[in-house]
Amino acid sequence: MREIPVFWVSEVVTDGLIEHIALKEVITQHRSRFQEIFIAETVPFSRCLFIDGKIQSSLLDEHIYHEVLVHPASVIHGRPREVLIIGGGEGGVLREVLRWRSVEAATMVEIDADVVDLCKRYMPELNNGAFNDPRSRLSIDDGRKYLEGLPDDSLDLIIVDATDPVEGGPSLRLYSEEFYELASRRLRDGGVLVTQATSVVHNVFVYRSILKTISKVFREVVPLSAFIPSFSSLWGFVIGSLKPIPRLGPDDINKTLIDRGVSGLRFYSGETHQVIVQVAKSYLDAIPSGWRVIRDNEPITIP
């Protein structure tokens, strides 16, 4: 007979939709200066990190999210050396960036030290030793403020792994035209930015607005979408490139990964790349919605 879970957590997915997740064990619950942090062993998704009531990472499928956020943008750049990660407190993005042999320095700027500390303690699989790599550096700071302090033309790749843009949240100023303009100035010629961009299914207006806002600053943009089981959604990502993006077939992408020493991937490949690009484009075509340019004084938020 199946054991009935004692604990449940309810996540508001979007207006009119709530998902209930069965828990085996509450690992830790903590209120930081910025947000509510909750780590629990769940029935469907293994151990999960929740921030402000929403799953951020699951040991079941975090590799899908982190690989899609890091490797397509890195392939488009071709040889990233100096990488800045804004957010990413779990360490999963840093772990994936360091797979690239071309990377000489990877700086992770996370506003909330408590997220880093709790994930190191209770979900060490997420960083897998990345914080000990001599190429890595951790800075506890506001990501936008940190970027403002850098010189122009100093980075090859900027990865924004921030929480969703919610009213009053710490990540709101990481989704605006002014932020993307700042980021573009800090990138070298041919530089690339990539950001997580919320649910394509439940927040298509926000996703399309992020895409269109980035396209006002960067020469080319690429929408991506992959299904993340623990998010119960197709999840959106957007890449902005300062240079024209060449047509990359599966063989081209696989060769780049091999040439740069990237190994151990569980989801991303040249073949997968074609799918996640096409799914995003097809879904955006199939579900028409409005959009608007996001500015500092005119933010867009999700429920």
Protein backbone atom coordinates (compact mmCIF):
# COMPACT_ATOMS: atom_id res chain seq x y z
CA MET A 1 0.00 0.00 0.00
CA ARG A 2 1.39 3.40 -0.99
CA GLU A 3 2.36 5.62 1.93
CA ILE A 4 0.35 8.85 2.12
CA PRO A 5 2.63 11.92 2.38
CA VAL A 6 2.30 13.87 5.60
CA PHE A 7 3.39 17.24 4.21
CA TRP A 8 2.30 19.13 1.12
CA VAL A 9 3.50 22.40 -0.30
CA SER A 10 1.35 24.47 -2.63
CA GLU A 11 2.98 26.48 -5.40
CA VAL A 12 1.06 29.20 -7.21
CA VAL A 13 2.07 28.52 -10.81
CA THR A 14 0.11 31.43 -12.24
CA ASP A 15 -3.25 33.14 -11.81
CA GLY A 16 -5.88 30.41 -11.52
CA LEU A 17 -3.40 27.52 -11.24
CA ILE A 18 -1.98 26.01 -8.06
CA GLU A 19 0.18 22.88 -7.94
CA HIS A 20 0.41 20.70 -4.83
CA ILE A 21 3.69 18.85 -4.24
CA ALA A 22 4.01 16.00 -1.74
CA LEU A 23 6.96 16.19 0.64
CA LYS A 24 8.86 13.39 2.32
CA GLU A 25 10.90 15.61 4.61
CA VAL A 26 11.45 19.30 5.31
CA ILE A 27 15.22 19.80 5.30
CA THR A 28 15.44 23.47 6.23
CA GLN A 29 13.36 26.62 6.13
CA HIS A 30 14.98 30.03 6.45
CA ARG A 31 14.09 33.66 5.92
CA SER A 32 17.02 35.67 4.54
CA ARG A 33 17.22 39.44 4.11
CA PHE A 34 15.76 39.04 0.64
CA GLN A 35 13.53 35.99 0.40
CA GLU A 36 12.10 32.82 1.89
CA ILE A 37 14.38 29.80 1.34
CA PHE A 38 12.98 26.30 1.71
CA ILE A 39 14.69 22.97 0.97
CA ALA A 40 12.71 19.76 1.07
CA GLU A 41 12.78 16.15 -0.06
CA THR A 42 9.79 15.82 -2.38
CA VAL A 43 8.00 12.73 -3.63
CA PRO A 44 8.02 13.53 -7.37
CA PHE A 45 11.19 15.61 -7.84
CA SER A 46 13.73 14.43 -5.23
CA ARG A 47 15.37 17.20 -3.16
CA CYS A 48 14.28 20.71 -4.18
CA LEU A 49 15.18 24.30 -3.46
CA PHE A 50 12.17 26.61 -3.15
CA ILE A 51 12.50 30.40 -3.07
CA ASP A 52 9.45 32.46 -2.16
CA GLY A 53 7.26 29.41 -2.66
CA LYS A 54 8.50 28.42 -6.12
CA ILE A 55 10.81 25.56 -7.08
CA GLN A 56 14.17 26.87 -8.26
CA SER A 57 16.14 23.64 -8.59
CA SER A 58 15.37 19.94 -8.32
CA LEU A 59 17.98 17.20 -8.17
CA LEU A 60 15.77 15.25 -10.58
CA ASP A 61 16.06 17.64 -13.52
CA GLU A 62 18.25 20.65 -12.66
CA HIS A 63 20.73 19.51 -15.32
CA ILE A 64 18.19 20.30 -18.04
CA TYR A 65 17.74 23.89 -16.89
CA HIS A 66 21.41 24.57 -16.22
CA GLU A 67 22.69 22.97 -19.42
CA VAL A 68 20.21 24.89 -21.58
CA LEU A 69 21.03 28.16 -19.82
CA VAL A 70 24.80 27.78 -20.28
CA HIS A 71 25.79 25.74 -23.32
CA PRO A 72 23.80 27.14 -26.27
CA ALA A 73 25.05 30.66 -25.50
CA SER A 74 28.59 29.37 -25.03
CA VAL A 75 28.42 27.55 -28.37
CA ILE A 76 27.18 30.69 -30.10
CA HIS A 77 30.12 32.63 -28.67
CA GLY A 78 32.47 29.82 -29.55
CA ARG A 79 35.30 30.43 -27.08
CA PRO A 80 34.19 32.20 -23.88
CA ARG A 81 37.08 33.15 -21.62
CA GLU A 82 35.73 35.71 -19.13
CA VAL A 83 32.26 34.81 -17.85
CA LEU A 84 29.99 36.64 -15.42
CA ILE A 85 27.09 34.82 -13.77
CA ILE A 86 24.45 36.99 -12.12
CA GLY A 87 22.48 34.94 -9.61
CA GLY A 88 22.89 31.19 -9.73
CA GLY A 89 23.27 30.77 -5.98
CA GLU A 90 22.96 26.97 -6.12
CA GLY A 91 26.19 26.72 -8.14
CA GLY A 92 24.70 24.75 -11.04
CA VAL A 93 25.42 27.42 -13.65
CA LEU A 94 28.98 27.80 -12.39
CA ARG A 95 29.42 24.03 -12.62
CA GLU A 96 28.34 24.02 -16.27
CA VAL A 97 30.43 27.07 -17.23
CA LEU A 98 33.55 25.41 -15.88
CA ARG A 99 33.09 22.46 -18.22
CA TRP A 100 34.45 24.79 -20.93
CA ARG A 101 38.23 24.47 -21.19
CA SER A 102 38.39 27.92 -22.82
CA VAL A 103 37.04 29.60 -19.65
CA GLU A 104 39.81 31.37 -17.76
CA ALA A 105 37.67 33.13 -15.14
CA ALA A 106 34.07 32.64 -14.04
CA THR A 107 32.66 35.11 -11.52
CA MET A 108 29.35 34.38 -9.83
CA VAL A 109 27.61 37.38 -8.27
CA GLU A 110 24.81 36.34 -5.93
CA ILE A 111 22.89 38.82 -3.81
CA ASP A 112 21.87 36.32 -1.14
CA ALA A 113 24.72 34.57 0.70
CA ASP A 114 22.21 32.39 2.53
CA VAL A 115 21.16 30.67 -0.70
CA VAL A 116 24.79 29.79 -1.44
CA ASP A 117 25.47 28.53 2.08
CA LEU A 118 22.31 26.44 2.38
CA CYS A 119 22.75 24.85 -1.04
CA LYS A 120 26.39 24.04 -0.31
CA ARG A 121 25.27 22.32 2.88
CA TYR A 122 22.10 20.55 1.80
CA MET A 123 22.37 20.23 -2.02
CA PRO A 124 26.11 19.94 -2.74
CA GLU A 125 25.40 17.98 -5.92
CA LEU A 126 24.36 21.24 -7.56
CA ASN A 127 27.80 22.83 -7.49
CA ASN A 128 29.78 19.55 -7.57
CA GLY A 129 32.93 21.26 -6.33
CA ALA A 130 32.69 24.25 -8.69
CA PHE A 131 33.35 26.77 -5.92
CA ASN A 132 36.75 25.15 -5.35
CA ASP A 133 37.83 25.45 -8.98
CA PRO A 134 40.72 27.96 -9.21
CA ARG A 135 38.99 29.68 -12.13
CA SER A 136 35.89 30.50 -10.08
CA ARG A 137 35.17 33.52 -7.93
CA LEU A 138 32.15 34.20 -5.72
CA SER A 139 31.01 37.74 -4.94
CA ILE A 140 28.07 38.43 -2.63
CA ASP A 141 26.69 41.57 -4.19
CA ASP A 142 23.88 43.07 -6.24
CA GLY A 143 24.47 41.80 -9.77
CA ARG A 144 23.58 45.01 -11.55
CA LYS A 145 25.66 47.11 -9.18
CA TYR A 146 28.59 44.75 -9.71
CA LEU A 147 28.22 45.02 -13.48
CA GLU A 148 28.18 48.81 -13.26
CA GLY A 149 31.59 48.67 -11.59
CA LEU A 150 33.24 46.70 -14.39
CA PRO A 151 35.07 48.30 -17.33
CA ASP A 152 33.63 48.18 -20.84
CA ASP A 153 34.71 45.35 -23.14
CA SER A 154 35.75 43.11 -20.26
CA LEU A 155 33.49 40.05 -20.64
CA ASP A 156 32.75 37.40 -23.25
CA LEU A 157 29.57 35.94 -21.76
CA ILE A 158 27.00 37.19 -19.25
CA ILE A 159 24.56 34.64 -17.80
CA VAL A 160 21.55 35.89 -15.86
CA ASP A 161 20.22 33.14 -13.61
CA ALA A 162 18.00 35.34 -11.47
CA THR A 163 14.65 34.65 -9.89
CA ASP A 164 11.58 35.68 -11.84
CA PRO A 165 10.64 39.38 -12.01
CA VAL A 166 8.16 39.71 -9.18
CA GLU A 167 7.01 42.91 -7.56
CA GLY A 168 9.40 43.89 -4.79
CA GLY A 169 11.78 41.04 -5.64
CA PRO A 170 15.59 41.39 -5.78
CA SER A 171 15.76 40.56 -9.52
CA LEU A 172 13.37 43.13 -10.98
CA ARG A 173 16.13 45.43 -12.33
CA LEU A 174 17.76 42.54 -14.21
CA TYR A 175 14.99 42.50 -16.85
CA SER A 176 15.02 45.96 -18.42
CA GLU A 177 16.31 47.72 -21.50
CA GLU A 178 18.68 49.77 -19.34
CA PHE A 179 20.17 46.61 -17.84
CA TYR A 180 20.65 45.01 -21.26
CA GLU A 181 22.29 48.18 -22.57
CA LEU A 182 24.67 48.14 -19.58
CA ALA A 183 25.45 44.46 -20.20
CA SER A 184 26.12 45.06 -23.91
CA ARG A 185 28.73 47.70 -23.08
CA ARG A 186 30.56 45.34 -20.74
CA LEU A 187 30.77 42.66 -23.43
CA ARG A 188 33.63 42.45 -25.88
CA ASP A 189 33.04 42.41 -29.62
CA GLY A 190 31.10 39.25 -30.33
CA GLY A 191 29.92 38.97 -26.74
CA VAL A 192 26.79 37.07 -25.74
CA LEU A 193 24.17 37.45 -23.01
CA VAL A 194 21.71 34.78 -21.96
CA THR A 195 18.92 35.00 -19.41
CA GLN A 196 16.29 32.72 -18.00
CA ALA A 197 13.00 34.22 -19.09
CA THR A 198 10.18 32.55 -17.08
CA SER A 199 7.54 30.12 -18.30
CA VAL A 200 6.70 30.24 -21.99
CA VAL A 201 3.34 28.64 -21.20
CA HIS A 202 2.13 30.59 -18.18
CA ASN A 203 3.90 33.92 -18.68
CA VAL A 204 4.06 34.27 -22.44
CA PHE A 205 3.51 38.05 -22.32
CA VAL A 206 6.51 38.42 -19.99
CA TYR A 207 8.62 36.00 -22.02
CA ARG A 208 7.88 37.76 -25.28
CA SER A 209 8.55 41.15 -23.66
CA ILE A 210 11.97 39.98 -22.43
CA LEU A 211 12.73 38.68 -25.92
CA LYS A 212 11.68 41.93 -27.61
CA THR A 213 13.49 44.10 -25.07
CA ILE A 214 16.77 42.22 -25.60
CA SER A 215 16.28 42.52 -29.38
CA LYS A 216 16.33 46.32 -29.05
CA VAL A 217 19.90 46.14 -27.73
CA PHE A 218 21.52 43.06 -29.28
CA ARG A 219 22.09 42.43 -32.96
CA GLU A 220 20.50 38.98 -32.93
CA VAL A 221 18.34 37.12 -30.44
CA VAL A 222 17.57 33.42 -30.08
CA PRO A 223 14.59 32.18 -28.07
CA LEU A 224 14.94 28.76 -26.44
CA SER A 225 12.49 26.57 -24.60
CA ALA A 226 12.84 23.26 -22.77
CA PHE A 227 10.38 21.32 -20.66
CA ILE A 228 11.45 21.23 -17.00
CA PRO A 229 9.38 18.59 -15.16
CA SER A 230 9.72 20.18 -11.72
CA PHE A 231 8.57 23.53 -13.17
CA SER A 232 5.58 21.80 -14.82
CA SER A 233 6.17 23.96 -17.86
CA LEU A 234 8.09 24.72 -20.99
CA TRP A 235 10.70 27.13 -19.66
CA GLY A 236 11.96 30.09 -21.62
CA PHE A 237 15.49 31.34 -22.20
CA VAL A 238 16.71 34.17 -24.43
CA ILE A 239 20.16 34.65 -25.97
CA GLY A 240 21.33 38.02 -27.25
CA SER A 241 24.42 38.23 -29.46
CA LEU A 242 26.40 41.31 -30.49
CA LYS A 243 27.53 39.55 -33.69
CA PRO A 244 25.60 37.76 -36.44
CA ILE A 245 24.95 34.17 -35.43
CA PRO A 246 26.07 31.62 -38.05
CA ARG A 247 23.85 28.70 -38.94
CA LEU A 248 24.95 25.90 -36.65
CA GLY A 249 24.00 22.34 -37.47
CA PRO A 250 24.18 19.46 -34.99
CA ASP A 251 27.62 18.40 -36.20
CA ASP A 252 28.97 21.96 -35.84
CA ILE A 253 27.72 22.19 -32.26
CA ASN A 254 28.97 18.75 -31.26
CA LYS A 255 32.39 19.55 -32.73
CA THR A 256 32.56 22.82 -30.77
CA LEU A 257 31.72 21.00 -27.55
CA ILE A 258 34.42 18.40 -28.20
CA ASP A 259 37.01 20.99 -29.23
CA ARG A 260 36.39 23.00 -26.05
CA GLY A 261 36.67 19.94 -23.82
CA VAL A 262 33.01 19.94 -22.76
CA SER A 263 32.01 16.52 -21.49
CA GLY A 264 29.59 14.92 -19.05
CA LEU A 265 26.44 16.57 -20.46
CA ARG A 266 23.19 14.73 -19.78
CA PHE A 267 20.75 16.74 -21.91
CA TYR A 268 22.30 19.29 -24.26
CA SER A 269 23.80 18.31 -27.62
CA GLY A 270 23.85 19.48 -31.21
CA GLU A 271 20.65 17.56 -31.83
CA THR A 272 18.93 18.93 -28.72
CA HIS A 273 19.91 22.48 -29.70
CA GLN A 274 17.79 22.31 -32.84
CA VAL A 275 14.78 21.13 -30.86
CA ILE A 276 14.86 23.74 -28.09
CA VAL A 277 15.18 26.55 -30.64
CA GLN A 278 12.34 25.22 -32.78
CA VAL A 279 10.03 24.55 -29.81
CA ALA A 280 10.39 28.15 -28.63
CA LYS A 281 9.72 29.60 -32.08
CA SER A 282 6.79 27.29 -32.73
CA TYR A 283 5.17 27.99 -29.38
CA LEU A 284 5.55 31.76 -29.77
CA ASP A 285 3.89 31.47 -33.20
CA ALA A 286 1.13 29.22 -31.89
CA ILE A 287 0.23 31.35 -28.85
CA PRO A 288 0.04 34.98 -29.98
CA SER A 289 0.21 37.60 -27.28
CA GLY A 290 1.15 41.20 -26.83
CA TRP A 291 4.40 42.51 -25.46
CA ARG A 292 6.05 45.75 -24.48
CA VAL A 293 9.56 47.02 -23.91
CA ILE A 294 10.60 46.64 -20.26
CA ARG A 295 12.26 49.67 -18.68
CA ASP A 296 13.48 50.45 -15.20
CA ASN A 297 10.55 52.79 -14.57
CA GLU A 298 8.11 50.47 -16.38
CA PRO A 299 8.89 46.95 -15.14
CA ILE A 300 6.92 43.84 -15.95
CA THR A 301 6.11 41.43 -13.15
CA ILE A 302 4.56 38.00 -12.92
CA PRO A 303 2.02 37.01 -10.25
